[in-house]
Amino acid sequence: MEEFRVFPESPASYSQARAGIISKIRLENFMCHSSLEIEFGDYVNFITGQNGSGKSAILTALCVAFGCRAKGTQRASTLKDFIKNGCSYANIQLEMKNQGEDAFKPEIYGDVIVIERRISDQLLYY
């Protein structure tokens, strides 16, 4: 007989993990999304929808926000390809919890770290 266990064994063990949990994502003009905001729970989250409704775009946005190159997503060849048709920019904003003993420089960043990635179709010159 097989035995299956889930680790950690109780939700109480999760109370220590308060840093690095994505709590919110905001998308603007990203792929098929004109404006989207999702608040995530601390544990398991499910995103459901019909085919073509933008579920994979949310996952792609997470990857891009954390620095993935466009080719690494296997969905585009350049970041500009993620800009919604007819728009000149796309914006991704993530909020991550930064609390507890694993918090990253809480004296500087506080309880929440915001990661924002803006993609423009214009070349920037310095």
N, C-alpha and C. Protein backbone atom coordinates (compact mmCIF):
# COMPACT_ATOMS: atom_id res chain seq x y z
N MET A 1 0.83 -1.17 0.00
CA MET A 1 0.00 0.00 0.00
C MET A 1 0.88 1.25 0.00
N GLU A 2 0.57 2.22 -0.88
CA GLU A 2 1.34 3.45 -0.96
C GLU A 2 0.86 4.46 0.06
N GLU A 3 1.80 5.25 0.53
CA GLU A 3 1.45 6.30 1.48
C GLU A 3 1.77 7.65 0.85
N PHE A 4 0.84 8.56 0.92
CA PHE A 4 1.05 9.90 0.37
C PHE A 4 1.00 10.90 1.51
N ARG A 5 1.95 11.81 1.53
CA ARG A 5 1.97 12.87 2.53
C ARG A 5 2.25 14.19 1.82
N VAL A 6 1.74 15.24 2.40
CA VAL A 6 1.99 16.58 1.89
C VAL A 6 2.85 17.30 2.92
N PHE A 7 3.91 17.96 2.46
CA PHE A 7 4.79 18.69 3.38
C PHE A 7 4.66 20.17 3.13
N PRO A 8 4.70 21.03 4.11
CA PRO A 8 4.62 20.68 5.52
C PRO A 8 3.27 20.08 5.86
N GLU A 9 3.24 19.34 6.94
CA GLU A 9 2.06 18.54 7.26
C GLU A 9 0.89 19.34 7.76
N SER A 10 1.10 20.55 8.26
CA SER A 10 -0.03 21.34 8.73
C SER A 10 0.13 22.79 8.29
N PRO A 11 -0.99 23.47 8.05
CA PRO A 11 -0.91 24.87 7.66
C PRO A 11 -0.19 25.75 8.68
N ALA A 12 -0.14 25.31 9.93
CA ALA A 12 0.56 26.10 10.95
C ALA A 12 2.03 26.24 10.60
N SER A 13 2.61 25.25 9.92
CA SER A 13 4.02 25.33 9.54
C SER A 13 4.26 26.42 8.52
N TYR A 14 3.21 26.82 7.80
CA TYR A 14 3.37 27.86 6.79
C TYR A 14 3.55 29.24 7.42
N SER A 15 3.20 29.38 8.67
CA SER A 15 3.24 30.70 9.29
C SER A 15 4.65 31.29 9.28
N GLN A 16 5.67 30.45 9.20
CA GLN A 16 7.03 30.95 9.16
C GLN A 16 7.40 31.52 7.79
N ALA A 17 6.74 31.06 6.74
CA ALA A 17 7.06 31.51 5.38
C ALA A 17 6.23 32.74 5.04
N ARG A 18 6.76 33.90 5.37
CA ARG A 18 6.04 35.14 5.10
C ARG A 18 6.83 36.05 4.17
N ALA A 19 7.94 35.58 3.68
CA ALA A 19 8.75 36.37 2.75
C ALA A 19 8.76 35.65 1.40
N GLY A 20 8.63 36.43 0.34
CA GLY A 20 8.69 35.87 -1.00
C GLY A 20 7.37 35.36 -1.53
N ILE A 21 6.29 35.55 -0.80
CA ILE A 21 4.97 35.12 -1.26
C ILE A 21 4.37 36.22 -2.12
N ILE A 22 4.02 35.89 -3.35
CA ILE A 22 3.41 36.86 -4.24
C ILE A 22 1.97 37.09 -3.78
N SER A 23 1.64 38.33 -3.46
CA SER A 23 0.31 38.63 -2.96
C SER A 23 -0.59 39.29 -4.00
N LYS A 24 0.02 39.93 -5.01
CA LYS A 24 -0.80 40.64 -6.00
C LYS A 24 -0.03 40.79 -7.30
N ILE A 25 -0.75 40.74 -8.41
CA ILE A 25 -0.18 41.05 -9.72
C ILE A 25 -1.14 42.01 -10.42
N ARG A 26 -0.54 43.00 -11.06
CA ARG A 26 -1.31 43.95 -11.89
C ARG A 26 -0.70 43.94 -13.28
N LEU A 27 -1.56 43.82 -14.28
CA LEU A 27 -1.11 43.85 -15.67
C LEU A 27 -1.83 44.97 -16.40
N GLU A 28 -1.09 45.67 -17.22
CA GLU A 28 -1.67 46.71 -18.06
C GLU A 28 -1.11 46.54 -19.46
N ASN A 29 -2.00 46.35 -20.44
CA ASN A 29 -1.62 46.20 -21.85
C ASN A 29 -0.63 45.05 -22.07
N PHE A 30 -0.75 44.02 -21.26
CA PHE A 30 0.16 42.87 -21.39
C PHE A 30 -0.57 41.73 -22.10
N MET A 31 -0.05 41.35 -23.24
CA MET A 31 -0.63 40.31 -24.08
C MET A 31 -2.12 40.61 -24.32
N CYS A 32 -3.03 39.77 -23.84
CA CYS A 32 -4.45 39.99 -24.09
C CYS A 32 -5.13 40.82 -23.02
N HIS A 33 -4.41 41.18 -21.97
CA HIS A 33 -5.00 41.89 -20.83
C HIS A 33 -4.81 43.40 -20.95
N SER A 34 -5.92 44.15 -21.00
CA SER A 34 -5.85 45.62 -20.98
C SER A 34 -5.57 46.09 -19.56
N SER A 35 -6.30 45.54 -18.62
CA SER A 35 -6.15 45.90 -17.22
C SER A 35 -6.61 44.72 -16.37
N LEU A 36 -5.70 44.18 -15.59
CA LEU A 36 -6.03 43.02 -14.76
C LEU A 36 -5.33 43.15 -13.42
N GLU A 37 -6.04 42.85 -12.35
CA GLU A 37 -5.45 42.81 -11.03
C GLU A 37 -5.96 41.56 -10.33
N ILE A 38 -5.03 40.78 -9.78
CA ILE A 38 -5.38 39.56 -9.06
C ILE A 38 -4.68 39.58 -7.71
N GLU A 39 -5.44 39.31 -6.66
CA GLU A 39 -4.86 39.14 -5.33
C GLU A 39 -4.78 37.65 -5.05
N PHE A 40 -3.60 37.19 -4.68
CA PHE A 40 -3.37 35.78 -4.41
C PHE A 40 -3.49 35.48 -2.93
N GLY A 41 -3.90 34.26 -2.62
CA GLY A 41 -3.89 33.78 -1.25
C GLY A 41 -2.50 33.33 -0.88
N ASP A 42 -2.28 33.04 0.38
CA ASP A 42 -0.95 32.66 0.85
C ASP A 42 -0.54 31.24 0.48
N TYR A 43 -1.50 30.37 0.20
CA TYR A 43 -1.16 28.98 0.01
C TYR A 43 -1.28 28.56 -1.45
N VAL A 44 -2.36 27.96 -1.83
CA VAL A 44 -2.54 27.46 -3.19
C VAL A 44 -3.55 28.33 -3.92
N ASN A 45 -3.26 28.66 -5.16
CA ASN A 45 -4.17 29.48 -5.96
C ASN A 45 -4.43 28.77 -7.28
N PHE A 46 -5.66 28.83 -7.74
CA PHE A 46 -6.03 28.26 -9.03
C PHE A 46 -6.53 29.39 -9.92
N ILE A 47 -6.10 29.38 -11.16
CA ILE A 47 -6.60 30.33 -12.14
C ILE A 47 -7.29 29.51 -13.21
N THR A 48 -8.57 29.75 -13.38
CA THR A 48 -9.34 28.99 -14.35
C THR A 48 -9.95 29.94 -15.37
N GLY A 49 -10.30 29.40 -16.51
CA GLY A 49 -10.94 30.18 -17.56
C GLY A 49 -10.96 29.40 -18.85
N GLN A 50 -11.70 29.92 -19.79
CA GLN A 50 -11.80 29.27 -21.09
C GLN A 50 -10.48 29.41 -21.85
N ASN A 51 -10.31 28.56 -22.85
CA ASN A 51 -9.14 28.68 -23.72
C ASN A 51 -9.08 30.07 -24.32
N GLY A 52 -7.90 30.65 -24.33
CA GLY A 52 -7.73 31.98 -24.91
C GLY A 52 -8.13 33.12 -23.99
N SER A 53 -8.43 32.83 -22.74
CA SER A 53 -8.87 33.89 -21.83
C SER A 53 -7.71 34.61 -21.13
N GLY A 54 -6.48 34.10 -21.26
CA GLY A 54 -5.32 34.79 -20.71
C GLY A 54 -4.68 34.18 -19.50
N LYS A 55 -4.99 32.91 -19.22
CA LYS A 55 -4.38 32.24 -18.06
C LYS A 55 -2.86 32.14 -18.23
N SER A 56 -2.41 31.71 -19.38
CA SER A 56 -0.97 31.58 -19.63
C SER A 56 -0.28 32.93 -19.66
N ALA A 57 -1.00 33.98 -20.03
CA ALA A 57 -0.43 35.32 -20.04
C ALA A 57 -0.05 35.75 -18.62
N ILE A 58 -0.82 35.32 -17.64
CA ILE A 58 -0.51 35.65 -16.25
C ILE A 58 0.79 34.97 -15.83
N LEU A 59 0.95 33.72 -16.17
CA LEU A 59 2.19 33.00 -15.87
C LEU A 59 3.37 33.63 -16.60
N THR A 60 3.17 33.99 -17.85
CA THR A 60 4.22 34.65 -18.62
C THR A 60 4.62 35.97 -17.97
N ALA A 61 3.63 36.73 -17.51
CA ALA A 61 3.91 38.00 -16.85
C ALA A 61 4.75 37.79 -15.60
N LEU A 62 4.46 36.75 -14.83
CA LEU A 62 5.27 36.45 -13.65
C LEU A 62 6.72 36.19 -14.04
N CYS A 63 6.92 35.41 -15.08
CA CYS A 63 8.28 35.10 -15.55
C CYS A 63 9.00 36.36 -16.01
N VAL A 64 8.32 37.20 -16.78
CA VAL A 64 8.93 38.43 -17.29
C VAL A 64 9.24 39.38 -16.14
N ALA A 65 8.36 39.49 -15.17
CA ALA A 65 8.59 40.38 -14.03
C ALA A 65 9.85 39.98 -13.27
N PHE A 66 10.12 38.69 -13.21
CA PHE A 66 11.30 38.22 -12.50
C PHE A 66 12.55 38.19 -13.37
N GLY A 67 12.45 38.77 -14.58
CA GLY A 67 13.65 38.95 -15.40
C GLY A 67 13.85 37.98 -16.53
N CYS A 68 12.90 37.11 -16.77
CA CYS A 68 13.04 36.15 -17.87
C CYS A 68 13.08 36.90 -19.20
N ARG A 69 13.90 36.44 -20.10
CA ARG A 69 13.93 37.00 -21.45
C ARG A 69 12.73 36.51 -22.23
N ALA A 70 12.35 37.24 -23.24
CA ALA A 70 11.18 36.88 -24.04
C ALA A 70 11.32 35.48 -24.62
N LYS A 71 12.47 35.16 -25.15
CA LYS A 71 12.67 33.83 -25.75
C LYS A 71 12.57 32.72 -24.71
N GLY A 72 12.92 33.04 -23.46
CA GLY A 72 12.84 32.05 -22.39
C GLY A 72 11.41 31.65 -22.06
N THR A 73 10.45 32.48 -22.40
CA THR A 73 9.05 32.15 -22.15
C THR A 73 8.48 31.26 -23.24
N GLN A 74 9.17 31.16 -24.35
CA GLN A 74 8.74 30.40 -25.54
C GLN A 74 7.41 30.92 -26.09
N ARG A 75 7.15 32.22 -25.86
CA ARG A 75 5.92 32.84 -26.35
C ARG A 75 6.20 34.04 -27.22
N ALA A 76 7.44 34.53 -27.24
CA ALA A 76 7.77 35.72 -28.02
C ALA A 76 9.27 35.76 -28.27
N SER A 77 9.66 36.55 -29.26
CA SER A 77 11.09 36.68 -29.54
C SER A 77 11.68 37.94 -28.91
N THR A 78 10.86 38.97 -28.68
CA THR A 78 11.31 40.17 -27.99
C THR A 78 10.25 40.58 -26.97
N LEU A 79 10.66 41.36 -25.98
CA LEU A 79 9.72 41.82 -24.97
C LEU A 79 8.61 42.67 -25.58
N LYS A 80 8.92 43.40 -26.64
CA LYS A 80 7.90 44.24 -27.30
C LYS A 80 6.72 43.41 -27.79
N ASP A 81 6.95 42.13 -28.07
CA ASP A 81 5.88 41.26 -28.54
C ASP A 81 4.80 41.04 -27.48
N PHE A 82 5.11 41.33 -26.22
CA PHE A 82 4.13 41.16 -25.15
C PHE A 82 3.18 42.34 -25.00
N ILE A 83 3.48 43.44 -25.68
CA ILE A 83 2.61 44.62 -25.61
C ILE A 83 1.33 44.32 -26.38
N LYS A 84 0.21 44.59 -25.75
CA LYS A 84 -1.09 44.36 -26.37
C LYS A 84 -1.19 45.12 -27.69
N ASN A 85 -1.78 44.49 -28.69
CA ASN A 85 -1.92 45.12 -30.00
C ASN A 85 -2.59 46.49 -29.88
N GLY A 86 -2.01 47.47 -30.56
CA GLY A 86 -2.57 48.82 -30.56
C GLY A 86 -2.09 49.69 -29.41
N CYS A 87 -1.25 49.15 -28.52
CA CYS A 87 -0.76 49.92 -27.36
C CYS A 87 0.74 50.18 -27.52
N SER A 88 1.24 51.19 -26.82
CA SER A 88 2.65 51.55 -26.94
C SER A 88 3.51 51.07 -25.78
N TYR A 89 2.87 50.48 -24.75
CA TYR A 89 3.63 49.98 -23.61
C TYR A 89 2.83 48.89 -22.90
N ALA A 90 3.53 48.15 -22.07
CA ALA A 90 2.90 47.18 -21.17
C ALA A 90 3.54 47.36 -19.80
N ASN A 91 2.78 47.08 -18.77
CA ASN A 91 3.31 47.22 -17.43
C ASN A 91 2.91 46.00 -16.60
N ILE A 92 3.87 45.49 -15.85
CA ILE A 92 3.65 44.38 -14.93
C ILE A 92 4.08 44.86 -13.55
N GLN A 93 3.24 44.66 -12.57
CA GLN A 93 3.59 45.02 -11.20
C GLN A 93 3.24 43.86 -10.28
N LEU A 94 4.22 43.43 -9.50
CA LEU A 94 4.03 42.35 -8.52
C LEU A 94 4.23 42.91 -7.13
N GLU A 95 3.46 42.40 -6.19
CA GLU A 95 3.70 42.70 -4.78
C GLU A 95 4.04 41.39 -4.10
N MET A 96 5.16 41.40 -3.37
CA MET A 96 5.60 40.22 -2.63
C MET A 96 5.71 40.55 -1.16
N LYS A 97 5.29 39.61 -0.33
CA LYS A 97 5.41 39.80 1.11
C LYS A 97 6.88 39.76 1.50
N ASN A 98 7.24 40.55 2.48
CA ASN A 98 8.62 40.62 2.94
C ASN A 98 8.62 40.73 4.47
N GLN A 99 8.18 39.64 5.09
CA GLN A 99 8.04 39.63 6.54
C GLN A 99 8.69 38.38 7.12
N GLY A 100 8.91 38.39 8.40
CA GLY A 100 9.45 37.21 9.08
C GLY A 100 10.95 37.15 9.03
N GLU A 101 11.48 36.03 9.49
CA GLU A 101 12.94 35.90 9.62
C GLU A 101 13.66 35.82 8.28
N ASP A 102 12.95 35.48 7.19
CA ASP A 102 13.58 35.42 5.87
C ASP A 102 13.40 36.70 5.07
N ALA A 103 12.89 37.75 5.67
CA ALA A 103 12.66 39.01 4.96
C ALA A 103 13.98 39.56 4.42
N PHE A 104 13.91 40.17 3.24
CA PHE A 104 15.08 40.75 2.59
C PHE A 104 15.18 42.23 2.94
N LYS A 105 16.19 42.59 3.69
CA LYS A 105 16.45 43.97 4.09
C LYS A 105 15.17 44.72 4.47
N PRO A 106 14.46 44.22 5.48
CA PRO A 106 13.17 44.83 5.85
C PRO A 106 13.31 46.29 6.28
N GLU A 107 14.49 46.66 6.78
CA GLU A 107 14.68 48.06 7.19
C GLU A 107 14.68 49.00 5.99
N ILE A 108 14.95 48.47 4.81
CA ILE A 108 14.95 49.27 3.58
C ILE A 108 13.64 49.10 2.82
N TYR A 109 13.21 47.85 2.63
CA TYR A 109 12.06 47.55 1.77
C TYR A 109 10.73 47.44 2.50
N GLY A 110 10.76 47.31 3.81
CA GLY A 110 9.52 47.20 4.57
C GLY A 110 8.87 45.83 4.44
N ASP A 111 7.56 45.78 4.65
CA ASP A 111 6.81 44.52 4.67
C ASP A 111 6.42 44.01 3.29
N VAL A 112 6.54 44.87 2.26
CA VAL A 112 6.14 44.49 0.90
C VAL A 112 7.21 44.97 -0.07
N ILE A 113 7.58 44.09 -0.99
CA ILE A 113 8.49 44.47 -2.08
C ILE A 113 7.66 44.54 -3.35
N VAL A 114 7.78 45.65 -4.06
CA VAL A 114 7.07 45.82 -5.32
C VAL A 114 8.07 45.70 -6.45
N ILE A 115 7.77 44.82 -7.39
CA ILE A 115 8.59 44.64 -8.59
C ILE A 115 7.77 45.15 -9.76
N GLU A 116 8.32 46.08 -10.51
CA GLU A 116 7.60 46.63 -11.65
C GLU A 116 8.47 46.53 -12.89
N ARG A 117 7.87 46.08 -13.95
CA ARG A 117 8.57 45.98 -15.23
C ARG A 117 7.71 46.66 -16.28
N ARG A 118 8.26 47.66 -16.91
CA ARG A 118 7.56 48.40 -17.96
C ARG A 118 8.24 48.08 -19.28
N ILE A 119 7.44 47.74 -20.26
CA ILE A 119 7.94 47.42 -21.59
C ILE A 119 7.40 48.49 -22.53
N SER A 120 8.30 49.11 -23.27
CA SER A 120 7.91 50.17 -24.18
C SER A 120 8.26 49.78 -25.61
N ASP A 121 7.48 50.27 -26.56
CA ASP A 121 7.82 49.99 -27.95
C ASP A 121 8.77 51.03 -28.50
N GLN A 122 9.17 52.00 -27.68
CA GLN A 122 10.10 53.05 -28.10
C GLN A 122 11.51 52.71 -27.66
N LEU A 123 12.49 53.08 -28.49
CA LEU A 123 13.88 52.92 -28.09
C LEU A 123 14.25 54.09 -27.17
N LEU A 124 14.96 53.80 -26.13
CA LEU A 124 15.40 54.84 -25.22
C LEU A 124 16.85 55.20 -25.50
N TYR A 125 17.12 56.47 -25.62
CA TYR A 125 18.49 56.94 -25.86
C TYR A 125 18.95 57.72 -24.64
N TYR A 126 20.21 57.51 -24.27
CA TYR A 126 20.77 58.22 -23.10
C TYR A 126 21.88 59.12 -23.55
